[in-house]
Amino acid sequence: MDRLSSMAVFVKAADLGSFAAAADALDLSGPMVGKHVQFLEQRLGVRLINRTTRRQSLTEFGRAYYDRCRSVLAEAEAADALAAEQLSEPRGKLRVTMPVLFGRRCVAPVLLELAGRHPKLELDLSFSDPLIDLSDGGFDLAIRTGTLEDKAGLIARRIARQRMIVCASPSYLANHGTPREIEDIGTHQAILYGRSGHVSPWLFPRDDQPPIQLTPVSRFRLDDLDAIADAAAAGMGVAWLPYWLVRERIQASALVPLLPNQTGFLYDGYALWLQAPYLPLKVRLAVDALAAALPKLMT
C-alpha cells in the first residue's frame, strides 16, 4: 500500500471517530479502511487505534502520530498546490533590476512582451548599473553582465553572450588609417568606457590563454556605451563596443568593424535570483523568455 494514502485514511478515521464514517467519506469499504490502518501499524510495530465493537480511540502513540500525519499531508497538499501554480497563469509583481543600457535596449522589450501575453503579470523594472543585493533590494531577479562574484545563496543562469568589436567611422579611418592588428590600436585615438574612476580595458581572446588586455591612449572617457558609439560615429576615435549596440550603425555605414581576423571577446549576461525551494512561475517564465530571445538580439 501507499504510505501517504494510508496516512490520509488513518487521519480521516481519527477525525470522524469510526472506520465506517471514514469509509463513507472516502468512498472506500469498511474493511479497506481497516487494512490501511493495519498497514501503518504493522509498518510501525505500534498500535495506533484501540478498537472495540462499540468505539475506537487513539492510543497515546496514535495521537502523536496523528499530529505528524496531519503535518505531512498538509505539506503534500501544499506541494500539489505549487505544481498547480506552476501550470497556471503567472500573476503578481515581478521586480527586476538590470543595467541601464542593456536593460533598456534588450531586456525590457522581452519582459514587456511577456507581460503583454500574461495580463495578470505586473512589472516593476529598475535600471541601475551599480550592483544591488537581491536579499536587501526586494527584487525577484537581477540581470548582470561580465564576471560574477561567487556569492552563496544566489542562482545564476546565462541568458546571453555579447560579442565585443572594435569599430570606427569611415571619416576617422580616412584621416588616421585602418588598424589591422591588435598592436596597431596603440597608435590610434580611442574612446574609452569609464565609471567611478575605473577605466575598463579592451579584451581580446586567445586560445587556451587569458585574454589580451589593452587600455589604449585616450582623451575621451565616457560612462555610457551609447554615447561612445555616437562619438565613434562622429569620427572621434576607435571604440570597443557590443555588436548588438552598433549593428544598425554598421549597416548604415556610420561605423566600420575593424580587426576582422580577431575573434570578438564575449561578455556573458546572466539572470540571478535567490536560492529557494522552488522558483515562482513568474520568475521562471521571465528567465526562459530572456534565454530564448536575447541570443537572437546579440547576433
C-alpha atoms as a PDB file:
ATOM      1  CA  MET A   1       0.000   0.000   0.000  1.00  0.00           C
ATOM      2  CA  ASP A   2       0.998   3.620  -0.442  1.00  0.00           C
ATOM      3  CA  ARG A   3       2.082   5.065   2.901  1.00  0.00           C
ATOM      4  CA  LEU A   4       0.765   8.579   2.174  1.00  0.00           C
ATOM      5  CA  SER A   5      -2.651   7.197   1.208  1.00  0.00           C
ATOM      6  CA  SER A   6      -2.752   5.110   4.356  1.00  0.00           C
ATOM      7  CA  MET A   7      -1.874   8.173   6.428  1.00  0.00           C
ATOM      8  CA  ALA A   8      -4.766  10.062   4.840  1.00  0.00           C
ATOM      9  CA  VAL A   9      -7.170   7.203   5.651  1.00  0.00           C
ATOM     10  CA  PHE A  10      -5.888   6.990   9.236  1.00  0.00           C
ATOM     11  CA  VAL A  11      -6.329  10.745   9.767  1.00  0.00           C
ATOM     12  CA  LYS A  12      -9.844  10.644   8.342  1.00  0.00           C
ATOM     13  CA  ALA A  13     -10.777   7.705  10.597  1.00  0.00           C
ATOM     14  CA  ALA A  14      -9.410   9.555  13.617  1.00  0.00           C
ATOM     15  CA  ASP A  15     -11.246  12.763  12.674  1.00  0.00           C
ATOM     16  CA  LEU A  16     -14.622  11.061  12.131  1.00  0.00           C
ATOM     17  CA  GLY A  17     -14.309   8.607  15.016  1.00  0.00           C
ATOM     18  CA  SER A  18     -15.083   5.397  13.128  1.00  0.00           C
ATOM     19  CA  PHE A  19     -13.937   3.269  10.221  1.00  0.00           C
ATOM     20  CA  ALA A  20     -17.451   3.268   8.774  1.00  0.00           C
ATOM     21  CA  ALA A  21     -17.663   7.065   8.671  1.00  0.00           C
ATOM     22  CA  ALA A  22     -14.198   7.271   7.104  1.00  0.00           C
ATOM     23  CA  ALA A  23     -15.222   4.657   4.537  1.00  0.00           C
ATOM     24  CA  ASP A  24     -18.283   6.694   3.540  1.00  0.00           C
ATOM     25  CA  ALA A  25     -16.269   9.927   3.328  1.00  0.00           C
ATOM     26  CA  LEU A  26     -13.505   8.374   1.248  1.00  0.00           C
ATOM     27  CA  ASP A  27     -15.753   6.104  -0.846  1.00  0.00           C
ATOM     28  CA  LEU A  28     -13.999   3.008   0.462  1.00  0.00           C
ATOM     29  CA  SER A  29     -15.234  -0.175   2.084  1.00  0.00           C
ATOM     30  CA  GLY A  30     -15.001  -0.518   5.839  1.00  0.00           C
ATOM     31  CA  PRO A  31     -12.548  -3.431   5.596  1.00  0.00           C
ATOM     32  CA  MET A  32     -10.318  -1.389   3.272  1.00  0.00           C
ATOM     33  CA  VAL A  33     -10.105   1.399   5.847  1.00  0.00           C
ATOM     34  CA  GLY A  34      -9.083  -1.216   8.391  1.00  0.00           C
ATOM     35  CA  LYS A  35      -6.403  -2.570   6.032  1.00  0.00           C
ATOM     36  CA  HIS A  36      -4.863   0.916   5.638  1.00  0.00           C
ATOM     37  CA  VAL A  37      -4.645   1.364   9.390  1.00  0.00           C
ATOM     38  CA  GLN A  38      -3.284  -2.159   9.879  1.00  0.00           C
ATOM     39  CA  PHE A  39      -0.641  -1.476   7.197  1.00  0.00           C
ATOM     40  CA  LEU A  40       0.622   1.505   9.189  1.00  0.00           C
ATOM     41  CA  GLU A  41       0.525  -0.366  12.486  1.00  0.00           C
ATOM     42  CA  GLN A  42       2.439  -3.300  11.048  1.00  0.00           C
ATOM     43  CA  ARG A  43       4.977  -0.985   9.435  1.00  0.00           C
ATOM     44  CA  LEU A  44       5.487   0.962  12.675  1.00  0.00           C
ATOM     45  CA  GLY A  45       5.208  -2.002  15.011  1.00  0.00           C
ATOM     46  CA  VAL A  46       2.914   0.039  17.262  1.00  0.00           C
ATOM     47  CA  ARG A  47      -0.872   0.119  17.705  1.00  0.00           C
ATOM     48  CA  LEU A  48      -2.435   3.398  16.597  1.00  0.00           C
ATOM     49  CA  ILE A  49      -6.112   2.867  17.418  1.00  0.00           C
ATOM     50  CA  ASN A  50      -7.788   0.931  20.213  1.00  0.00           C
ATOM     51  CA  ARG A  51     -10.877  -0.708  18.683  1.00  0.00           C
ATOM     52  CA  THR A  52     -13.885  -2.370  20.278  1.00  0.00           C
ATOM     53  CA  THR A  53     -17.239  -3.307  18.836  1.00  0.00           C
ATOM     54  CA  ARG A  54     -18.751  -0.043  20.176  1.00  0.00           C
ATOM     55  CA  ARG A  55     -15.996   2.576  19.960  1.00  0.00           C
ATOM     56  CA  GLN A  56     -12.480   3.388  18.894  1.00  0.00           C
ATOM     57  CA  SER A  57      -9.866   5.735  20.352  1.00  0.00           C
ATOM     58  CA  LEU A  58      -6.332   6.755  19.538  1.00  0.00           C
ATOM     59  CA  THR A  59      -3.528   5.287  21.583  1.00  0.00           C
ATOM     60  CA  GLU A  60      -1.022   7.655  23.151  1.00  0.00           C
ATOM     61  CA  PHE A  61       1.380   6.981  20.291  1.00  0.00           C
ATOM     62  CA  GLY A  62      -1.535   7.200  17.842  1.00  0.00           C
ATOM     63  CA  ARG A  63      -2.286  10.778  18.964  1.00  0.00           C
ATOM     64  CA  ALA A  64       1.330  11.832  18.413  1.00  0.00           C
ATOM     65  CA  TYR A  65       1.459  10.027  15.056  1.00  0.00           C
ATOM     66  CA  TYR A  66      -1.868  11.618  14.073  1.00  0.00           C
ATOM     67  CA  ASP A  67      -0.399  15.123  14.550  1.00  0.00           C
ATOM     68  CA  ARG A  68       2.632  14.276  12.446  1.00  0.00           C
ATOM     69  CA  CYS A  69       0.478  12.730   9.741  1.00  0.00           C
ATOM     70  CA  ARG A  70      -1.611  15.877   9.516  1.00  0.00           C
ATOM     71  CA  SER A  71       1.568  17.934   9.025  1.00  0.00           C
ATOM     72  CA  VAL A  72       2.863  15.564   6.355  1.00  0.00           C
ATOM     73  CA  LEU A  73      -0.458  15.616   4.489  1.00  0.00           C
ATOM     74  CA  ALA A  74      -0.610  19.409   4.681  1.00  0.00           C
ATOM     75  CA  GLU A  75       2.880  19.630   3.168  1.00  0.00           C
ATOM     76  CA  ALA A  76       1.865  17.217   0.422  1.00  0.00           C
ATOM     77  CA  GLU A  77      -1.195  19.331  -0.387  1.00  0.00           C
ATOM     78  CA  ALA A  78       0.989  22.435  -0.465  1.00  0.00           C
ATOM     79  CA  ALA A  79       3.340  20.688  -2.895  1.00  0.00           C
ATOM     80  CA  ASP A  80       0.393  19.755  -5.123  1.00  0.00           C
ATOM     81  CA  ALA A  81      -0.831  23.355  -4.981  1.00  0.00           C
ATOM     82  CA  LEU A  82       2.624  24.510  -6.005  1.00  0.00           C
ATOM     83  CA  ALA A  83       2.544  22.206  -9.018  1.00  0.00           C
ATOM     84  CA  ALA A  84      -0.863  23.578  -9.944  1.00  0.00           C
ATOM     85  CA  GLU A  85       0.513  27.112  -9.666  1.00  0.00           C
ATOM     86  CA  GLN A  86       3.364  26.233 -11.998  1.00  0.00           C
ATOM     87  CA  LEU A  87       0.850  25.174 -14.615  1.00  0.00           C
ATOM     88  CA  SER A  88      -1.370  28.216 -14.212  1.00  0.00           C
ATOM     89  CA  GLU A  89      -1.154  31.811 -15.351  1.00  0.00           C
ATOM     90  CA  PRO A  90       1.732  33.876 -13.926  1.00  0.00           C
ATOM     91  CA  ARG A  91       0.471  36.669 -11.739  1.00  0.00           C
ATOM     92  CA  GLY A  92       1.623  39.313  -9.324  1.00  0.00           C
ATOM     93  CA  LYS A  93       4.512  41.771  -9.385  1.00  0.00           C
ATOM     94  CA  LEU A  94       7.841  40.795 -10.913  1.00  0.00           C
ATOM     95  CA  ARG A  95      10.639  43.108  -9.718  1.00  0.00           C
ATOM     96  CA  VAL A  96      13.753  43.110 -11.891  1.00  0.00           C
ATOM     97  CA  THR A  97      16.971  45.142 -11.648  1.00  0.00           C
ATOM     98  CA  MET A  98      19.182  45.458 -14.723  1.00  0.00           C
ATOM     99  CA  PRO A  99      21.992  47.543 -16.265  1.00  0.00           C
ATOM    100  CA  VAL A 100      20.724  50.766 -17.797  1.00  0.00           C
ATOM    101  CA  LEU A 101      21.612  50.377 -21.476  1.00  0.00           C
ATOM    102  CA  PHE A 102      21.475  46.596 -21.809  1.00  0.00           C
ATOM    103  CA  GLY A 103      18.273  46.582 -19.791  1.00  0.00           C
ATOM    104  CA  ARG A 104      16.562  49.349 -21.727  1.00  0.00           C
ATOM    105  CA  ARG A 105      17.556  48.138 -25.190  1.00  0.00           C
ATOM    106  CA  CYS A 106      17.499  44.347 -24.776  1.00  0.00           C
ATOM    107  CA  VAL A 107      15.931  43.070 -21.541  1.00  0.00           C
ATOM    108  CA  ALA A 108      12.938  45.350 -21.045  1.00  0.00           C
ATOM    109  CA  PRO A 109      11.382  44.721 -24.504  1.00  0.00           C
ATOM    110  CA  VAL A 110      11.413  40.971 -23.845  1.00  0.00           C
ATOM    111  CA  LEU A 111       9.795  41.352 -20.425  1.00  0.00           C
ATOM    112  CA  LEU A 112       7.203  43.802 -21.734  1.00  0.00           C
ATOM    113  CA  GLU A 113       6.308  41.356 -24.493  1.00  0.00           C
ATOM    114  CA  LEU A 114       5.966  38.618 -21.863  1.00  0.00           C
ATOM    115  CA  ALA A 115       3.670  40.837 -19.777  1.00  0.00           C
ATOM    116  CA  GLY A 116       1.614  41.532 -22.880  1.00  0.00           C
ATOM    117  CA  ARG A 117       0.907  37.810 -23.173  1.00  0.00           C
ATOM    118  CA  HIS A 118       0.053  37.431 -19.479  1.00  0.00           C
ATOM    119  CA  PRO A 119      -2.375  40.156 -18.318  1.00  0.00           C
ATOM    120  CA  LYS A 120      -2.121  39.186 -14.624  1.00  0.00           C
ATOM    121  CA  LEU A 121       1.657  39.731 -14.552  1.00  0.00           C
ATOM    122  CA  GLU A 122       2.888  43.099 -13.242  1.00  0.00           C
ATOM    123  CA  LEU A 123       6.368  44.503 -13.964  1.00  0.00           C
ATOM    124  CA  ASP A 124       8.487  46.692 -11.703  1.00  0.00           C
ATOM    125  CA  LEU A 125      11.725  47.325 -13.621  1.00  0.00           C
ATOM    126  CA  SER A 126      14.740  49.155 -12.191  1.00  0.00           C
ATOM    127  CA  PHE A 127      17.545  50.374 -14.460  1.00  0.00           C
ATOM    128  CA  SER A 128      20.753  50.704 -12.457  1.00  0.00           C
ATOM    129  CA  ASP A 129      24.363  49.879 -13.302  1.00  0.00           C
ATOM    130  CA  PRO A 130      25.593  49.532  -9.682  1.00  0.00           C
ATOM    131  CA  LEU A 131      25.115  46.041  -8.274  1.00  0.00           C
ATOM    132  CA  ILE A 132      22.123  45.623  -5.973  1.00  0.00           C
ATOM    133  CA  ASP A 133      21.881  42.987  -3.269  1.00  0.00           C
ATOM    134  CA  LEU A 134      18.848  40.866  -4.122  1.00  0.00           C
ATOM    135  CA  SER A 135      18.257  39.961  -0.492  1.00  0.00           C
ATOM    136  CA  ASP A 136      18.131  43.628   0.529  1.00  0.00           C
ATOM    137  CA  GLY A 137      16.526  45.201  -2.516  1.00  0.00           C
ATOM    138  CA  GLY A 138      13.375  43.095  -2.635  1.00  0.00           C
ATOM    139  CA  PHE A 139      13.969  42.121  -6.268  1.00  0.00           C
ATOM    140  CA  ASP A 140      12.879  38.805  -7.745  1.00  0.00           C
ATOM    141  CA  LEU A 141      15.502  38.853 -10.466  1.00  0.00           C
ATOM    142  CA  ALA A 142      18.737  40.640 -11.359  1.00  0.00           C
ATOM    143  CA  ILE A 143      20.299  40.882 -14.811  1.00  0.00           C
ATOM    144  CA  ARG A 144      24.082  41.308 -14.857  1.00  0.00           C
ATOM    145  CA  THR A 145      26.866  41.165 -17.439  1.00  0.00           C
ATOM    146  CA  GLY A 146      30.529  40.255 -17.163  1.00  0.00           C
ATOM    147  CA  THR A 147      32.222  38.238 -14.443  1.00  0.00           C
ATOM    148  CA  LEU A 148      30.064  37.331 -11.469  1.00  0.00           C
ATOM    149  CA  GLU A 149      31.189  37.140  -7.874  1.00  0.00           C
ATOM    150  CA  ASP A 150      30.918  33.724  -6.283  1.00  0.00           C
ATOM    151  CA  LYS A 151      28.197  34.520  -3.778  1.00  0.00           C
ATOM    152  CA  ALA A 152      26.378  31.972  -1.645  1.00  0.00           C
ATOM    153  CA  GLY A 153      22.604  31.835  -1.857  1.00  0.00           C
ATOM    154  CA  LEU A 154      22.372  33.001  -5.483  1.00  0.00           C
ATOM    155  CA  ILE A 155      21.443  31.008  -8.580  1.00  0.00           C
ATOM    156  CA  ALA A 156      22.745  32.256 -11.952  1.00  0.00           C
ATOM    157  CA  ARG A 157      21.738  31.271 -15.473  1.00  0.00           C
ATOM    158  CA  ARG A 158      23.490  32.576 -18.569  1.00  0.00           C
ATOM    159  CA  ILE A 159      20.962  34.202 -20.879  1.00  0.00           C
ATOM    160  CA  ALA A 160      23.156  35.996 -23.454  1.00  0.00           C
ATOM    161  CA  ARG A 161      26.670  36.444 -24.808  1.00  0.00           C
ATOM    162  CA  GLN A 162      27.607  39.929 -26.040  1.00  0.00           C
ATOM    163  CA  ARG A 163      30.287  39.914 -28.722  1.00  0.00           C
ATOM    164  CA  MET A 164      32.583  42.914 -28.452  1.00  0.00           C
ATOM    165  CA  ILE A 165      34.092  44.500 -31.578  1.00  0.00           C
ATOM    166  CA  VAL A 166      36.449  47.366 -32.366  1.00  0.00           C
ATOM    167  CA  CYS A 167      34.945  49.910 -34.750  1.00  0.00           C
ATOM    168  CA  ALA A 168      35.423  53.418 -36.109  1.00  0.00           C
ATOM    169  CA  SER A 169      33.796  55.787 -38.581  1.00  0.00           C
ATOM    170  CA  PRO A 170      34.811  55.951 -42.258  1.00  0.00           C
ATOM    171  CA  SER A 171      35.880  59.582 -41.751  1.00  0.00           C
ATOM    172  CA  TYR A 172      38.210  58.687 -38.874  1.00  0.00           C
ATOM    173  CA  LEU A 173      39.774  55.838 -40.855  1.00  0.00           C
ATOM    174  CA  ALA A 174      40.250  58.110 -43.879  1.00  0.00           C
ATOM    175  CA  ASN A 175      42.172  60.602 -41.724  1.00  0.00           C
ATOM    176  CA  HIS A 176      44.115  58.190 -39.480  1.00  0.00           C
ATOM    177  CA  GLY A 177      44.383  54.892 -41.341  1.00  0.00           C
ATOM    178  CA  THR A 178      42.918  51.498 -40.528  1.00  0.00           C
ATOM    179  CA  PRO A 179      44.346  49.347 -37.707  1.00  0.00           C
ATOM    180  CA  ARG A 180      44.910  45.780 -38.909  1.00  0.00           C
ATOM    181  CA  GLU A 181      46.212  44.093 -35.765  1.00  0.00           C
ATOM    182  CA  ILE A 182      45.679  44.498 -32.027  1.00  0.00           C
ATOM    183  CA  GLU A 183      49.116  46.108 -31.745  1.00  0.00           C
ATOM    184  CA  ASP A 184      48.026  48.845 -34.165  1.00  0.00           C
ATOM    185  CA  ILE A 185      45.368  50.087 -31.725  1.00  0.00           C
ATOM    186  CA  GLY A 186      48.078  51.765 -29.645  1.00  0.00           C
ATOM    187  CA  THR A 187      48.741  54.266 -32.428  1.00  0.00           C
ATOM    188  CA  HIS A 188      45.114  55.403 -32.587  1.00  0.00           C
ATOM    189  CA  GLN A 189      42.883  57.679 -30.572  1.00  0.00           C
ATOM    190  CA  ALA A 190      40.404  55.612 -28.546  1.00  0.00           C
ATOM    191  CA  ILE A 191      37.121  56.363 -26.815  1.00  0.00           C
ATOM    192  CA  LEU A 192      37.081  54.517 -23.510  1.00  0.00           C
ATOM    193  CA  TYR A 193      34.358  53.427 -21.129  1.00  0.00           C
ATOM    194  CA  GLY A 194      34.978  54.544 -17.568  1.00  0.00           C
ATOM    195  CA  ARG A 195      32.903  54.699 -14.413  1.00  0.00           C
ATOM    196  CA  SER A 196      33.792  55.951 -10.918  1.00  0.00           C
ATOM    197  CA  GLY A 197      37.403  56.488 -11.898  1.00  0.00           C
ATOM    198  CA  HIS A 198      37.816  52.963 -13.288  1.00  0.00           C
ATOM    199  CA  VAL A 199      38.532  52.502 -16.993  1.00  0.00           C
ATOM    200  CA  SER A 200      37.583  49.129 -18.467  1.00  0.00           C
ATOM    201  CA  PRO A 201      40.352  47.545 -20.583  1.00  0.00           C
ATOM    202  CA  TRP A 202      39.651  46.122 -24.027  1.00  0.00           C
ATOM    203  CA  LEU A 203      39.818  42.334 -24.047  1.00  0.00           C
ATOM    204  CA  PHE A 204      40.837  40.077 -26.920  1.00  0.00           C
ATOM    205  CA  PRO A 205      40.543  36.284 -26.517  1.00  0.00           C
ATOM    206  CA  ARG A 206      43.421  33.876 -27.120  1.00  0.00           C
ATOM    207  CA  ASP A 207      43.308  30.092 -27.443  1.00  0.00           C
ATOM    208  CA  ASP A 208      43.817  28.379 -24.078  1.00  0.00           C
ATOM    209  CA  GLN A 209      45.252  31.560 -22.557  1.00  0.00           C
ATOM    210  CA  PRO A 210      43.893  34.539 -20.657  1.00  0.00           C
ATOM    211  CA  PRO A 211      42.637  37.316 -22.953  1.00  0.00           C
ATOM    212  CA  ILE A 212      44.906  40.154 -24.006  1.00  0.00           C
ATOM    213  CA  GLN A 213      44.067  43.295 -22.008  1.00  0.00           C
ATOM    214  CA  LEU A 214      44.604  46.624 -23.705  1.00  0.00           C
ATOM    215  CA  THR A 215      43.907  50.128 -22.419  1.00  0.00           C
ATOM    216  CA  PRO A 216      44.563  52.460 -25.378  1.00  0.00           C
ATOM    217  CA  VAL A 217      45.685  56.053 -25.055  1.00  0.00           C
ATOM    218  CA  SER A 218      42.630  58.291 -24.927  1.00  0.00           C
ATOM    219  CA  ARG A 219      41.454  61.776 -24.107  1.00  0.00           C
ATOM    220  CA  PHE A 220      37.798  60.675 -24.197  1.00  0.00           C
ATOM    221  CA  ARG A 221      36.304  58.725 -21.297  1.00  0.00           C
ATOM    222  CA  LEU A 222      32.525  58.273 -21.148  1.00  0.00           C
ATOM    223  CA  ASP A 223      30.353  56.246 -18.794  1.00  0.00           C
ATOM    224  CA  ASP A 224      27.636  55.488 -21.361  1.00  0.00           C
ATOM    225  CA  LEU A 225      28.163  52.974 -24.181  1.00  0.00           C
ATOM    226  CA  ASP A 226      25.548  54.566 -26.420  1.00  0.00           C
ATOM    227  CA  ALA A 227      27.359  57.909 -26.126  1.00  0.00           C
ATOM    228  CA  ILE A 228      30.624  56.171 -27.027  1.00  0.00           C
ATOM    229  CA  ALA A 229      29.001  54.744 -30.150  1.00  0.00           C
ATOM    230  CA  ASP A 230      27.762  58.223 -31.099  1.00  0.00           C
ATOM    231  CA  ALA A 231      31.231  59.700 -30.555  1.00  0.00           C
ATOM    232  CA  ALA A 232      32.821  56.972 -32.673  1.00  0.00           C
ATOM    233  CA  ALA A 233      30.288  57.585 -35.461  1.00  0.00           C
ATOM    234  CA  ALA A 234      31.198  61.293 -35.280  1.00  0.00           C
ATOM    235  CA  GLY A 235      34.821  60.435 -36.083  1.00  0.00           C
ATOM    236  CA  MET A 236      36.306  60.989 -32.625  1.00  0.00           C
ATOM    237  CA  GLY A 237      38.231  57.710 -32.485  1.00  0.00           C
ATOM    238  CA  VAL A 238      38.056  53.915 -32.338  1.00  0.00           C
ATOM    239  CA  ALA A 239      35.747  52.218 -29.874  1.00  0.00           C
ATOM    240  CA  TRP A 240      35.258  48.759 -28.351  1.00  0.00           C
ATOM    241  CA  LEU A 241      31.539  48.066 -28.142  1.00  0.00           C
ATOM    242  CA  PRO A 242      28.930  45.281 -28.126  1.00  0.00           C
ATOM    243  CA  TYR A 243      27.996  44.304 -31.658  1.00  0.00           C
ATOM    244  CA  TRP A 244      24.261  44.472 -30.898  1.00  0.00           C
ATOM    245  CA  LEU A 245      24.653  48.134 -29.975  1.00  0.00           C
ATOM    246  CA  VAL A 246      26.420  49.188 -33.192  1.00  0.00           C
ATOM    247  CA  ARG A 247      24.764  46.771 -35.636  1.00  0.00           C
ATOM    248  CA  GLU A 248      22.446  49.396 -37.116  1.00  0.00           C
ATOM    249  CA  ARG A 249      25.244  51.962 -37.360  1.00  0.00           C
ATOM    250  CA  ILE A 250      27.375  49.407 -39.214  1.00  0.00           C
ATOM    251  CA  GLN A 251      24.501  48.569 -41.552  1.00  0.00           C
ATOM    252  CA  ALA A 252      24.075  52.301 -42.221  1.00  0.00           C
ATOM    253  CA  SER A 253      27.857  52.625 -42.872  1.00  0.00           C
ATOM    254  CA  ALA A 254      28.218  55.079 -39.976  1.00  0.00           C
ATOM    255  CA  LEU A 255      30.723  52.685 -38.381  1.00  0.00           C
ATOM    256  CA  VAL A 256      33.120  50.107 -39.773  1.00  0.00           C
ATOM    257  CA  PRO A 257      34.091  46.931 -37.863  1.00  0.00           C
ATOM    258  CA  LEU A 258      37.858  46.513 -37.536  1.00  0.00           C
ATOM    259  CA  LEU A 259      40.287  43.636 -36.882  1.00  0.00           C
ATOM    260  CA  PRO A 260      38.338  41.090 -38.981  1.00  0.00           C
ATOM    261  CA  ASN A 261      40.816  38.306 -38.159  1.00  0.00           C
ATOM    262  CA  GLN A 262      40.439  38.810 -34.400  1.00  0.00           C
ATOM    263  CA  THR A 263      37.755  36.876 -32.527  1.00  0.00           C
ATOM    264  CA  GLY A 264      35.483  39.149 -30.534  1.00  0.00           C
ATOM    265  CA  PHE A 265      35.503  38.862 -26.764  1.00  0.00           C
ATOM    266  CA  LEU A 266      32.250  37.515 -25.327  1.00  0.00           C
ATOM    267  CA  TYR A 267      30.698  39.231 -22.323  1.00  0.00           C
ATOM    268  CA  ASP A 268      28.232  36.858 -20.689  1.00  0.00           C
ATOM    269  CA  GLY A 269      24.876  38.087 -19.479  1.00  0.00           C
ATOM    270  CA  TYR A 270      23.176  36.380 -16.525  1.00  0.00           C
ATOM    271  CA  ALA A 271      19.870  36.205 -14.745  1.00  0.00           C
ATOM    272  CA  LEU A 272      20.313  35.854 -10.976  1.00  0.00           C
ATOM    273  CA  TRP A 273      17.815  35.004  -8.272  1.00  0.00           C
ATOM    274  CA  LEU A 274      17.882  33.985  -4.636  1.00  0.00           C
ATOM    275  CA  GLN A 275      18.133  30.289  -3.928  1.00  0.00           C
ATOM    276  CA  ALA A 276      14.785  28.959  -2.732  1.00  0.00           C
ATOM    277  CA  PRO A 277      12.943  25.615  -2.502  1.00  0.00           C
ATOM    278  CA  TYR A 278      11.117  26.410  -5.736  1.00  0.00           C
ATOM    279  CA  LEU A 279      11.218  29.001  -8.471  1.00  0.00           C
ATOM    280  CA  PRO A 280       7.989  31.024  -8.816  1.00  0.00           C
ATOM    281  CA  LEU A 281       6.283  30.694 -12.153  1.00  0.00           C
ATOM    282  CA  LYS A 282       6.636  34.409 -12.972  1.00  0.00           C
ATOM    283  CA  VAL A 283      10.417  34.242 -12.455  1.00  0.00           C
ATOM    284  CA  ARG A 284      10.855  31.008 -14.386  1.00  0.00           C
ATOM    285  CA  LEU A 285       8.884  32.305 -17.373  1.00  0.00           C
ATOM    286  CA  ALA A 286      10.853  35.568 -17.376  1.00  0.00           C
ATOM    287  CA  VAL A 287      14.214  33.763 -17.328  1.00  0.00           C
ATOM    288  CA  ASP A 288      13.098  31.347 -20.047  1.00  0.00           C
ATOM    289  CA  ALA A 289      11.852  34.229 -22.222  1.00  0.00           C
ATOM    290  CA  LEU A 290      15.153  36.099 -21.861  1.00  0.00           C
ATOM    291  CA  ALA A 291      17.232  32.985 -22.549  1.00  0.00           C
ATOM    292  CA  ALA A 292      15.218  32.359 -25.717  1.00  0.00           C
ATOM    293  CA  ALA A 293      15.114  35.915 -27.061  1.00  0.00           C
ATOM    294  CA  LEU A 294      18.409  37.595 -26.122  1.00  0.00           C
ATOM    295  CA  PRO A 295      20.819  35.365 -28.097  1.00  0.00           C
ATOM    296  CA  LYS A 296      18.952  36.340 -31.275  1.00  0.00           C
ATOM    297  CA  LEU A 297      19.423  40.022 -30.439  1.00  0.00           C
ATOM    298  CA  MET A 298      23.160  39.586 -29.872  1.00  0.00           C
ATOM    299  CA  THR A 299      23.972  38.310 -33.401  1.00  0.00           C
END
